[in-house]
């Protein structure tokens, strides 16, 4: 199982270009329209060149995030969980 670590939390309008394609792709999969001021967490999947994007307003609990990552074959690390907890 891969470990997911937080790279940053950004508003969509401030999202670094290197992460924008991941956010756009994830939004397309979920058929989601991204708001410019929406908070997005970008997680690095350690050992890969991949990122996992979380549209934070879409989650009601950390368990929902953990379940989503588990389905993707990843586990979120504790420091990242603590930070995300403050944004939900």
N, C-alpha and C. Protein backbone atom coordinates (compact mmCIF):
# COMPACT_ATOMS: atom_id res chain seq x y z
N UNK A 1 0.85 -1.18 0.00
CA UNK A 1 0.00 0.00 0.00
C UNK A 1 0.89 1.25 0.00
N UNK A 2 0.52 2.22 -0.81
CA UNK A 2 1.26 3.47 -0.90
C UNK A 2 0.87 4.41 0.23
N UNK A 3 1.74 5.35 0.54
CA UNK A 3 1.47 6.36 1.56
C UNK A 3 1.20 7.69 0.87
N UNK A 4 0.14 8.37 1.30
CA UNK A 4 -0.22 9.68 0.76
C UNK A 4 0.19 10.76 1.75
N UNK A 5 0.96 11.74 1.27
CA UNK A 5 1.40 12.85 2.11
C UNK A 5 0.94 14.17 1.50
N UNK A 6 0.62 15.09 2.36
CA UNK A 6 0.10 16.39 1.92
C UNK A 6 1.19 17.23 1.26
N UNK A 7 0.90 17.72 0.07
CA UNK A 7 1.79 18.66 -0.63
C UNK A 7 1.34 20.08 -0.38
N UNK A 8 0.03 20.27 -0.16
CA UNK A 8 -0.48 21.60 0.12
C UNK A 8 -1.98 21.66 0.01
N UNK A 9 -2.52 22.73 0.56
CA UNK A 9 -3.95 23.03 0.43
C UNK A 9 -4.04 24.39 -0.24
N UNK A 10 -4.77 24.44 -1.32
CA UNK A 10 -4.84 25.64 -2.15
C UNK A 10 -6.28 25.94 -2.51
N UNK A 11 -6.54 27.20 -2.79
CA UNK A 11 -7.78 27.56 -3.48
C UNK A 11 -7.52 27.26 -4.95
N UNK A 12 -8.55 26.86 -5.67
CA UNK A 12 -8.37 26.45 -7.06
C UNK A 12 -7.67 27.54 -7.87
N UNK A 13 -8.05 28.79 -7.65
CA UNK A 13 -7.47 29.89 -8.41
C UNK A 13 -5.98 30.08 -8.12
N UNK A 14 -5.49 29.54 -7.00
CA UNK A 14 -4.08 29.66 -6.61
C UNK A 14 -3.30 28.36 -6.79
N UNK A 15 -3.95 27.35 -7.32
CA UNK A 15 -3.35 26.02 -7.47
C UNK A 15 -2.15 26.09 -8.42
N UNK A 16 -0.97 25.62 -7.99
CA UNK A 16 0.18 25.60 -8.89
C UNK A 16 -0.12 24.80 -10.16
N UNK A 17 0.42 25.25 -11.25
CA UNK A 17 0.14 24.65 -12.56
C UNK A 17 0.43 23.16 -12.60
N UNK A 18 1.47 22.74 -11.88
CA UNK A 18 1.83 21.31 -11.90
C UNK A 18 0.74 20.41 -11.32
N UNK A 19 -0.15 20.98 -10.48
CA UNK A 19 -1.23 20.19 -9.88
C UNK A 19 -2.56 20.39 -10.59
N UNK A 20 -2.68 21.43 -11.38
CA UNK A 20 -3.95 21.79 -12.01
C UNK A 20 -4.50 20.65 -12.87
N UNK A 21 -3.63 19.98 -13.62
CA UNK A 21 -4.13 18.90 -14.49
C UNK A 21 -4.71 17.75 -13.67
N UNK A 22 -4.15 17.50 -12.48
CA UNK A 22 -4.70 16.45 -11.62
C UNK A 22 -6.07 16.87 -11.08
N UNK A 23 -6.20 18.15 -10.70
CA UNK A 23 -7.49 18.65 -10.20
C UNK A 23 -8.55 18.60 -11.30
N UNK A 24 -8.17 19.04 -12.49
CA UNK A 24 -9.13 19.03 -13.61
C UNK A 24 -9.55 17.61 -13.96
N UNK A 25 -8.60 16.69 -13.98
CA UNK A 25 -8.90 15.29 -14.29
C UNK A 25 -9.84 14.69 -13.23
N UNK A 26 -9.52 14.93 -11.96
CA UNK A 26 -10.33 14.38 -10.87
C UNK A 26 -11.75 14.97 -10.92
N UNK A 27 -11.84 16.26 -11.22
CA UNK A 27 -13.16 16.91 -11.33
C UNK A 27 -13.96 16.30 -12.48
N UNK A 28 -13.30 16.03 -13.59
CA UNK A 28 -13.99 15.44 -14.74
C UNK A 28 -14.52 14.04 -14.39
N UNK A 29 -13.72 13.26 -13.66
CA UNK A 29 -14.17 11.93 -13.25
C UNK A 29 -15.41 12.00 -12.37
N UNK A 30 -15.44 13.01 -11.50
CA UNK A 30 -16.56 13.15 -10.57
C UNK A 30 -17.69 14.01 -11.14
N UNK A 31 -17.51 14.48 -12.39
CA UNK A 31 -18.48 15.38 -13.01
C UNK A 31 -18.75 16.59 -12.11
N UNK A 32 -17.67 17.18 -11.64
CA UNK A 32 -17.73 18.29 -10.69
C UNK A 32 -17.27 19.58 -11.34
N UNK A 33 -17.99 20.65 -11.08
CA UNK A 33 -17.56 21.98 -11.53
C UNK A 33 -16.80 22.61 -10.37
N UNK A 34 -15.56 22.98 -10.62
CA UNK A 34 -14.71 23.53 -9.56
C UNK A 34 -14.95 25.03 -9.44
N UNK A 35 -15.17 25.47 -8.20
CA UNK A 35 -15.31 26.90 -7.92
C UNK A 35 -13.91 27.49 -7.71
N UNK A 36 -13.72 28.72 -8.14
CA UNK A 36 -12.40 29.38 -8.05
C UNK A 36 -11.87 29.45 -6.61
N UNK A 37 -12.79 29.62 -5.63
CA UNK A 37 -12.35 29.76 -4.24
C UNK A 37 -12.43 28.45 -3.45
N UNK A 38 -12.64 27.35 -4.15
CA UNK A 38 -12.76 26.04 -3.50
C UNK A 38 -11.40 25.56 -2.98
N UNK A 39 -11.39 25.04 -1.73
CA UNK A 39 -10.15 24.50 -1.17
C UNK A 39 -9.90 23.10 -1.69
N UNK A 40 -8.67 22.91 -2.15
CA UNK A 40 -8.25 21.64 -2.72
C UNK A 40 -6.98 21.19 -2.02
N UNK A 41 -6.99 19.97 -1.51
CA UNK A 41 -5.80 19.38 -0.92
C UNK A 41 -5.13 18.51 -1.98
N UNK A 42 -3.81 18.66 -2.10
CA UNK A 42 -3.05 17.86 -3.05
C UNK A 42 -2.16 16.91 -2.24
N UNK A 43 -2.35 15.62 -2.47
CA UNK A 43 -1.56 14.60 -1.78
C UNK A 43 -0.61 13.94 -2.76
N UNK A 44 0.63 13.78 -2.34
CA UNK A 44 1.61 13.04 -3.13
C UNK A 44 1.51 11.58 -2.74
N UNK A 45 1.46 10.70 -3.74
CA UNK A 45 1.47 9.27 -3.49
C UNK A 45 2.94 8.86 -3.53
N UNK A 46 3.52 8.65 -2.35
CA UNK A 46 4.95 8.39 -2.20
C UNK A 46 5.36 7.17 -3.02
N UNK A 47 6.47 7.32 -3.73
CA UNK A 47 6.97 6.23 -4.55
C UNK A 47 6.42 6.23 -5.97
N UNK A 48 5.60 7.24 -6.29
CA UNK A 48 5.03 7.37 -7.64
C UNK A 48 5.20 8.81 -8.10
N UNK A 49 4.84 9.07 -9.32
CA UNK A 49 4.82 10.44 -9.85
C UNK A 49 3.39 10.96 -9.88
N UNK A 50 2.55 10.41 -9.01
CA UNK A 50 1.13 10.71 -9.03
C UNK A 50 0.71 11.53 -7.81
N UNK A 51 -0.38 12.26 -8.00
CA UNK A 51 -0.97 13.04 -6.93
C UNK A 51 -2.45 12.66 -6.82
N UNK A 52 -2.97 12.77 -5.62
CA UNK A 52 -4.40 12.55 -5.39
C UNK A 52 -4.97 13.88 -4.94
N UNK A 53 -6.06 14.28 -5.55
CA UNK A 53 -6.68 15.57 -5.27
C UNK A 53 -7.94 15.36 -4.44
N UNK A 54 -8.10 16.19 -3.42
CA UNK A 54 -9.30 16.15 -2.57
C UNK A 54 -9.99 17.51 -2.63
N UNK A 55 -11.22 17.54 -3.08
CA UNK A 55 -12.03 18.75 -3.03
C UNK A 55 -12.66 18.77 -1.64
N UNK A 56 -12.08 19.54 -0.75
CA UNK A 56 -12.39 19.40 0.68
C UNK A 56 -13.85 19.61 1.04
N UNK A 57 -14.56 20.45 0.32
CA UNK A 57 -15.98 20.66 0.67
C UNK A 57 -16.84 19.44 0.35
N UNK A 58 -16.28 18.48 -0.36
CA UNK A 58 -17.02 17.27 -0.72
C UNK A 58 -17.04 16.21 0.38
N UNK A 59 -16.30 16.46 1.46
CA UNK A 59 -16.17 15.44 2.51
C UNK A 59 -16.76 15.94 3.82
N UNK A 60 -17.39 15.01 4.53
CA UNK A 60 -17.95 15.32 5.84
C UNK A 60 -17.08 14.81 6.98
N UNK A 61 -16.15 13.90 6.66
CA UNK A 61 -15.32 13.33 7.71
C UNK A 61 -13.99 12.82 7.13
N UNK A 62 -13.05 12.62 8.02
CA UNK A 62 -11.77 12.05 7.62
C UNK A 62 -11.93 10.61 7.15
N UNK A 63 -12.92 9.91 7.71
CA UNK A 63 -13.16 8.52 7.30
C UNK A 63 -13.50 8.43 5.82
N UNK A 64 -14.24 9.40 5.30
CA UNK A 64 -14.57 9.40 3.87
C UNK A 64 -13.29 9.53 3.03
N UNK A 65 -12.37 10.37 3.48
CA UNK A 65 -11.10 10.54 2.78
C UNK A 65 -10.27 9.27 2.86
N UNK A 66 -10.21 8.68 4.05
CA UNK A 66 -9.45 7.44 4.22
C UNK A 66 -9.99 6.34 3.32
N UNK A 67 -11.32 6.23 3.23
CA UNK A 67 -11.95 5.21 2.38
C UNK A 67 -11.61 5.42 0.91
N UNK A 68 -11.66 6.68 0.47
CA UNK A 68 -11.34 6.97 -0.93
C UNK A 68 -9.89 6.60 -1.25
N UNK A 69 -8.99 6.92 -0.36
CA UNK A 69 -7.59 6.59 -0.59
C UNK A 69 -7.35 5.09 -0.53
N UNK A 70 -8.06 4.42 0.36
CA UNK A 70 -7.93 2.96 0.45
C UNK A 70 -8.31 2.30 -0.88
N UNK A 71 -9.39 2.81 -1.49
CA UNK A 71 -9.81 2.30 -2.79
C UNK A 71 -8.73 2.52 -3.86
N UNK A 72 -7.94 3.58 -3.68
CA UNK A 72 -6.87 3.90 -4.63
C UNK A 72 -5.56 3.18 -4.26
N UNK A 73 -5.59 2.38 -3.19
CA UNK A 73 -4.40 1.64 -2.79
C UNK A 73 -3.42 2.45 -1.98
N UNK A 74 -3.92 3.48 -1.29
CA UNK A 74 -3.04 4.34 -0.51
C UNK A 74 -3.58 4.52 0.90
N UNK A 75 -2.67 4.88 1.79
CA UNK A 75 -3.02 5.17 3.18
C UNK A 75 -2.46 6.55 3.48
N UNK A 76 -3.24 7.36 4.17
CA UNK A 76 -2.83 8.73 4.47
C UNK A 76 -2.01 8.75 5.76
N UNK A 77 -0.96 9.56 5.80
CA UNK A 77 -0.12 9.59 7.00
C UNK A 77 -0.74 10.49 8.08
N UNK A 78 -0.29 10.30 9.32
CA UNK A 78 -0.89 10.99 10.47
C UNK A 78 -0.75 12.51 10.42
N UNK A 79 0.43 13.06 10.10
CA UNK A 79 0.51 14.53 10.03
C UNK A 79 -0.49 15.13 9.03
N UNK A 80 -0.67 14.45 7.92
CA UNK A 80 -1.63 14.92 6.91
C UNK A 80 -3.05 14.87 7.45
N UNK A 81 -3.39 13.80 8.16
CA UNK A 81 -4.72 13.68 8.76
C UNK A 81 -5.00 14.84 9.72
N UNK A 82 -4.03 15.17 10.54
CA UNK A 82 -4.20 16.25 11.51
C UNK A 82 -4.46 17.58 10.81
N UNK A 83 -3.72 17.84 9.74
CA UNK A 83 -3.90 19.09 9.00
C UNK A 83 -5.27 19.13 8.33
N UNK A 84 -5.63 18.04 7.66
CA UNK A 84 -6.92 17.99 6.97
C UNK A 84 -8.09 18.13 7.93
N UNK A 85 -7.93 17.59 9.13
CA UNK A 85 -8.99 17.67 10.13
C UNK A 85 -9.38 19.13 10.39
N UNK A 86 -8.42 20.01 10.37
CA UNK A 86 -8.69 21.43 10.59
C UNK A 86 -9.36 22.13 9.42
N UNK A 87 -9.44 21.46 8.28
CA UNK A 87 -10.04 22.07 7.09
C UNK A 87 -11.39 21.49 6.72
N UNK A 88 -11.84 20.48 7.47
CA UNK A 88 -13.16 19.89 7.18
C UNK A 88 -14.23 20.54 8.02
